[in-house]
Amino acid sequence: MMSIQEKAAAVYQVLKEVYGQSPWTLKQIVSDMQQEHVDYFTFYHQETLLGFLAIQQLPGEMEITNLAVLPSYQGQGIASWLMGQLDGFEGRIFLEVRASNHRAQQLYLKHGFEVIGQRSNYYHDPIEAALIMRREGKNDR
């Protein structure tokens, strides 16, 4: 079984490959993984982490804090499989996505999310707006 430090290092490597530089430091990832209401769903091939989904659970709702798949494995259904891990959750799920990330937006729409708002200048390097997306809970649909 991998230690939190090893899992965090694998997540950090994926983030570096996806974004060119990780938006989170290794220390931040370790700290995040140690939080009681945070979970990381992972997809490995042999011993290599190909993608992960990070979530934070709140009373009656959940926030997706990150979803990343190695560039050479994108388009193979890994992100969709990771999103499927949330199908049993009955509350509302929120996330933010770059306004320019149409591929991710399509994935989220496919999984029942809708755009409910926008945050100006939310992202840095480059500065960009975030779309706020939500999937209603099972009782709200």
C-alpha atoms as a PDB file:
ATOM      1  CA  MET A   1       0.000   0.000   0.000  1.00  0.00           C
ATOM      2  CA  MET A   2       1.279   3.441  -0.934  1.00  0.00           C
ATOM      3  CA  SER A   3       1.953   6.084   1.692  1.00  0.00           C
ATOM      4  CA  ILE A   4       0.267   9.490   1.488  1.00  0.00           C
ATOM      5  CA  GLN A   5       3.646  10.933   0.499  1.00  0.00           C
ATOM      6  CA  GLU A   6       3.925   8.483  -2.434  1.00  0.00           C
ATOM      7  CA  LYS A   7       0.337   9.115  -3.555  1.00  0.00           C
ATOM      8  CA  ALA A   8       0.876  12.869  -3.344  1.00  0.00           C
ATOM      9  CA  ALA A   9       4.084  12.602  -5.382  1.00  0.00           C
ATOM     10  CA  ALA A  10       2.211  10.660  -8.091  1.00  0.00           C
ATOM     11  CA  VAL A  11      -0.581  13.273  -8.157  1.00  0.00           C
ATOM     12  CA  TYR A  12       2.022  16.052  -8.309  1.00  0.00           C
ATOM     13  CA  GLN A  13       3.668  14.392 -11.348  1.00  0.00           C
ATOM     14  CA  VAL A  14       0.329  14.142 -13.152  1.00  0.00           C
ATOM     15  CA  LEU A  15      -0.390  17.821 -12.440  1.00  0.00           C
ATOM     16  CA  LYS A  16       3.046  18.839 -13.747  1.00  0.00           C
ATOM     17  CA  GLU A  17       2.504  16.909 -16.976  1.00  0.00           C
ATOM     18  CA  VAL A  18      -1.038  18.188 -17.485  1.00  0.00           C
ATOM     19  CA  TYR A  19      -0.440  21.865 -16.654  1.00  0.00           C
ATOM     20  CA  GLY A  20       3.290  22.277 -17.345  1.00  0.00           C
ATOM     21  CA  GLN A  21       3.672  23.191 -13.684  1.00  0.00           C
ATOM     22  CA  SER A  22       1.575  22.005 -10.793  1.00  0.00           C
ATOM     23  CA  PRO A  23      -0.980  24.528  -9.515  1.00  0.00           C
ATOM     24  CA  TRP A  24      -0.462  22.924  -6.089  1.00  0.00           C
ATOM     25  CA  THR A  25       2.800  22.267  -4.251  1.00  0.00           C
ATOM     26  CA  LEU A  26       3.616  18.761  -3.062  1.00  0.00           C
ATOM     27  CA  LYS A  27       3.122  19.974   0.517  1.00  0.00           C
ATOM     28  CA  GLN A  28      -0.369  21.299  -0.357  1.00  0.00           C
ATOM     29  CA  ILE A  29      -1.323  17.974  -1.940  1.00  0.00           C
ATOM     30  CA  VAL A  30      -0.157  16.022   1.128  1.00  0.00           C
ATOM     31  CA  SER A  31      -2.099  18.400   3.391  1.00  0.00           C
ATOM     32  CA  ASP A  32      -5.192  18.077   1.192  1.00  0.00           C
ATOM     33  CA  MET A  33      -5.023  14.266   1.257  1.00  0.00           C
ATOM     34  CA  GLN A  34      -4.903  14.328   5.053  1.00  0.00           C
ATOM     35  CA  GLN A  35      -8.179  16.265   5.354  1.00  0.00           C
ATOM     36  CA  GLU A  36     -11.074  14.248   6.742  1.00  0.00           C
ATOM     37  CA  HIS A  37     -13.615  15.244   4.073  1.00  0.00           C
ATOM     38  CA  VAL A  38     -11.288  14.996   1.058  1.00  0.00           C
ATOM     39  CA  ASP A  39     -11.013  11.960  -1.217  1.00  0.00           C
ATOM     40  CA  TYR A  40      -8.869  11.159  -4.239  1.00  0.00           C
ATOM     41  CA  PHE A  41     -10.138   8.663  -6.796  1.00  0.00           C
ATOM     42  CA  THR A  42      -7.260   7.308  -8.846  1.00  0.00           C
ATOM     43  CA  PHE A  43      -6.754   5.382 -12.070  1.00  0.00           C
ATOM     44  CA  TYR A  44      -3.532   3.373 -12.343  1.00  0.00           C
ATOM     45  CA  HIS A  45      -2.081   1.265 -15.126  1.00  0.00           C
ATOM     46  CA  GLN A  46       0.422  -1.121 -13.589  1.00  0.00           C
ATOM     47  CA  GLU A  47       2.179   1.211 -11.120  1.00  0.00           C
ATOM     48  CA  THR A  48       1.714   4.470 -13.024  1.00  0.00           C
ATOM     49  CA  LEU A  49      -0.953   6.971 -12.014  1.00  0.00           C
ATOM     50  CA  LEU A  50      -2.731   7.947 -15.239  1.00  0.00           C
ATOM     51  CA  GLY A  51      -5.370  10.205 -13.717  1.00  0.00           C
ATOM     52  CA  PHE A  52      -7.147  11.287 -10.564  1.00  0.00           C
ATOM     53  CA  LEU A  53     -10.260  13.048  -9.321  1.00  0.00           C
ATOM     54  CA  ALA A  54     -10.056  15.074  -6.096  1.00  0.00           C
ATOM     55  CA  ILE A  55     -13.215  15.942  -4.189  1.00  0.00           C
ATOM     56  CA  GLN A  56     -14.202  17.665  -0.968  1.00  0.00           C
ATOM     57  CA  GLN A  57     -17.406  16.558   0.748  1.00  0.00           C
ATOM     58  CA  LEU A  58     -19.550  19.071   2.579  1.00  0.00           C
ATOM     59  CA  PRO A  59     -22.911  18.439   4.292  1.00  0.00           C
ATOM     60  CA  GLY A  60     -25.278  17.445   1.471  1.00  0.00           C
ATOM     61  CA  GLU A  61     -22.937  18.487  -1.315  1.00  0.00           C
ATOM     62  CA  MET A  62     -19.563  17.892  -2.869  1.00  0.00           C
ATOM     63  CA  GLU A  63     -16.988  19.976  -4.726  1.00  0.00           C
ATOM     64  CA  ILE A  64     -14.694  18.592  -7.405  1.00  0.00           C
ATOM     65  CA  THR A  65     -11.396  20.321  -6.709  1.00  0.00           C
ATOM     66  CA  ASN A  66      -9.380  18.744  -9.518  1.00  0.00           C
ATOM     67  CA  LEU A  67      -9.615  16.227 -12.333  1.00  0.00           C
ATOM     68  CA  ALA A  68      -6.503  15.453 -14.359  1.00  0.00           C
ATOM     69  CA  VAL A  69      -5.422  12.724 -16.789  1.00  0.00           C
ATOM     70  CA  LEU A  70      -1.956  12.412 -18.311  1.00  0.00           C
ATOM     71  CA  PRO A  71      -2.012  14.047 -21.772  1.00  0.00           C
ATOM     72  CA  SER A  72      -0.979  10.862 -23.602  1.00  0.00           C
ATOM     73  CA  TYR A  73      -3.969   9.018 -22.066  1.00  0.00           C
ATOM     74  CA  GLN A  74      -6.637  11.692 -22.556  1.00  0.00           C
ATOM     75  CA  GLY A  75      -9.591  10.738 -24.730  1.00  0.00           C
ATOM     76  CA  GLN A  76      -9.521   7.094 -23.606  1.00  0.00           C
ATOM     77  CA  GLY A  77     -12.396   7.266 -21.106  1.00  0.00           C
ATOM     78  CA  ILE A  78     -10.304   7.615 -17.936  1.00  0.00           C
ATOM     79  CA  ALA A  79     -11.835  10.962 -16.906  1.00  0.00           C
ATOM     80  CA  SER A  80     -15.311   9.588 -17.589  1.00  0.00           C
ATOM     81  CA  TRP A  81     -14.542   6.507 -15.458  1.00  0.00           C
ATOM     82  CA  LEU A  82     -13.309   8.767 -12.648  1.00  0.00           C
ATOM     83  CA  MET A  83     -16.468  10.907 -12.875  1.00  0.00           C
ATOM     84  CA  GLY A  84     -18.517   7.705 -12.708  1.00  0.00           C
ATOM     85  CA  GLN A  85     -17.128   7.096  -9.225  1.00  0.00           C
ATOM     86  CA  LEU A  86     -19.438   9.898  -8.050  1.00  0.00           C
ATOM     87  CA  ASP A  87     -22.633   8.350  -9.422  1.00  0.00           C
ATOM     88  CA  GLY A  88     -23.686   7.030  -6.011  1.00  0.00           C
ATOM     89  CA  PHE A  89     -23.494  10.472  -4.393  1.00  0.00           C
ATOM     90  CA  GLU A  90     -27.008  11.817  -3.866  1.00  0.00           C
ATOM     91  CA  GLY A  91     -26.258  15.490  -3.097  1.00  0.00           C
ATOM     92  CA  ARG A  92     -25.342  18.420  -5.313  1.00  0.00           C
ATOM     93  CA  ILE A  93     -21.890  18.499  -6.872  1.00  0.00           C
ATOM     94  CA  PHE A  94     -20.116  21.726  -7.832  1.00  0.00           C
ATOM     95  CA  LEU A  95     -16.940  22.484  -9.781  1.00  0.00           C
ATOM     96  CA  GLU A  96     -15.111  25.276 -11.565  1.00  0.00           C
ATOM     97  CA  VAL A  97     -13.610  24.825 -15.025  1.00  0.00           C
ATOM     98  CA  ARG A  98     -11.611  27.164 -17.247  1.00  0.00           C
ATOM     99  CA  ALA A  99     -13.868  28.995 -19.698  1.00  0.00           C
ATOM    100  CA  SER A 100     -11.530  27.876 -22.514  1.00  0.00           C
ATOM    101  CA  ASN A 101     -11.500  24.188 -21.506  1.00  0.00           C
ATOM    102  CA  HIS A 102     -14.279  23.048 -23.824  1.00  0.00           C
ATOM    103  CA  ARG A 103     -13.213  19.400 -23.695  1.00  0.00           C
ATOM    104  CA  ALA A 104     -13.660  19.268 -19.907  1.00  0.00           C
ATOM    105  CA  GLN A 105     -16.944  21.175 -20.146  1.00  0.00           C
ATOM    106  CA  GLN A 106     -18.277  18.548 -22.574  1.00  0.00           C
ATOM    107  CA  LEU A 107     -17.271  15.784 -20.147  1.00  0.00           C
ATOM    108  CA  TYR A 108     -19.089  17.501 -17.287  1.00  0.00           C
ATOM    109  CA  LEU A 109     -22.199  18.133 -19.411  1.00  0.00           C
ATOM    110  CA  LYS A 110     -22.195  14.431 -20.337  1.00  0.00           C
ATOM    111  CA  HIS A 111     -22.227  13.617 -16.621  1.00  0.00           C
ATOM    112  CA  GLY A 112     -25.263  15.801 -15.889  1.00  0.00           C
ATOM    113  CA  PHE A 113     -23.630  19.116 -14.960  1.00  0.00           C
ATOM    114  CA  GLU A 114     -24.919  22.504 -16.087  1.00  0.00           C
ATOM    115  CA  VAL A 115     -23.311  25.954 -16.114  1.00  0.00           C
ATOM    116  CA  ILE A 116     -24.778  28.108 -13.343  1.00  0.00           C
ATOM    117  CA  GLY A 117     -22.388  31.071 -13.254  1.00  0.00           C
ATOM    118  CA  GLN A 118     -18.952  32.494 -13.886  1.00  0.00           C
ATOM    119  CA  ARG A 119     -16.054  33.791 -11.771  1.00  0.00           C
ATOM    120  CA  SER A 120     -13.995  36.494 -13.493  1.00  0.00           C
ATOM    121  CA  ASN A 121     -10.195  36.276 -13.283  1.00  0.00           C
ATOM    122  CA  TYR A 122     -10.424  33.048 -11.259  1.00  0.00           C
ATOM    123  CA  TYR A 123      -7.439  31.297 -12.834  1.00  0.00           C
ATOM    124  CA  HIS A 124      -3.875  32.542 -13.178  1.00  0.00           C
ATOM    125  CA  ASP A 125      -1.157  31.740 -15.736  1.00  0.00           C
ATOM    126  CA  PRO A 126      -3.029  32.724 -17.832  1.00  0.00           C
ATOM    127  CA  ILE A 127      -5.657  34.835 -16.126  1.00  0.00           C
ATOM    128  CA  GLU A 128      -9.022  33.475 -17.133  1.00  0.00           C
ATOM    129  CA  ALA A 129     -12.619  33.186 -15.990  1.00  0.00           C
ATOM    130  CA  ALA A 130     -14.011  30.008 -14.486  1.00  0.00           C
ATOM    131  CA  LEU A 131     -17.407  28.590 -15.308  1.00  0.00           C
ATOM    132  CA  ILE A 132     -19.241  27.324 -12.240  1.00  0.00           C
ATOM    133  CA  MET A 133     -21.001  24.047 -12.941  1.00  0.00           C
ATOM    134  CA  ARG A 134     -23.434  22.054 -10.823  1.00  0.00           C
ATOM    135  CA  ARG A 135     -25.071  18.659 -10.935  1.00  0.00           C
ATOM    136  CA  GLU A 136     -28.264  18.533  -8.924  1.00  0.00           C
ATOM    137  CA  GLY A 137     -28.657  15.899  -6.257  1.00  0.00           C
ATOM    138  CA  LYS A 138     -30.752  12.818  -6.991  1.00  0.00           C
ATOM    139  CA  ASN A 139     -33.647  14.273  -4.970  1.00  0.00           C
ATOM    140  CA  ASP A 140     -33.462  17.569  -6.918  1.00  0.00           C
ATOM    141  CA  ARG A 141     -33.502  16.039 -10.419  1.00  0.00           C
END
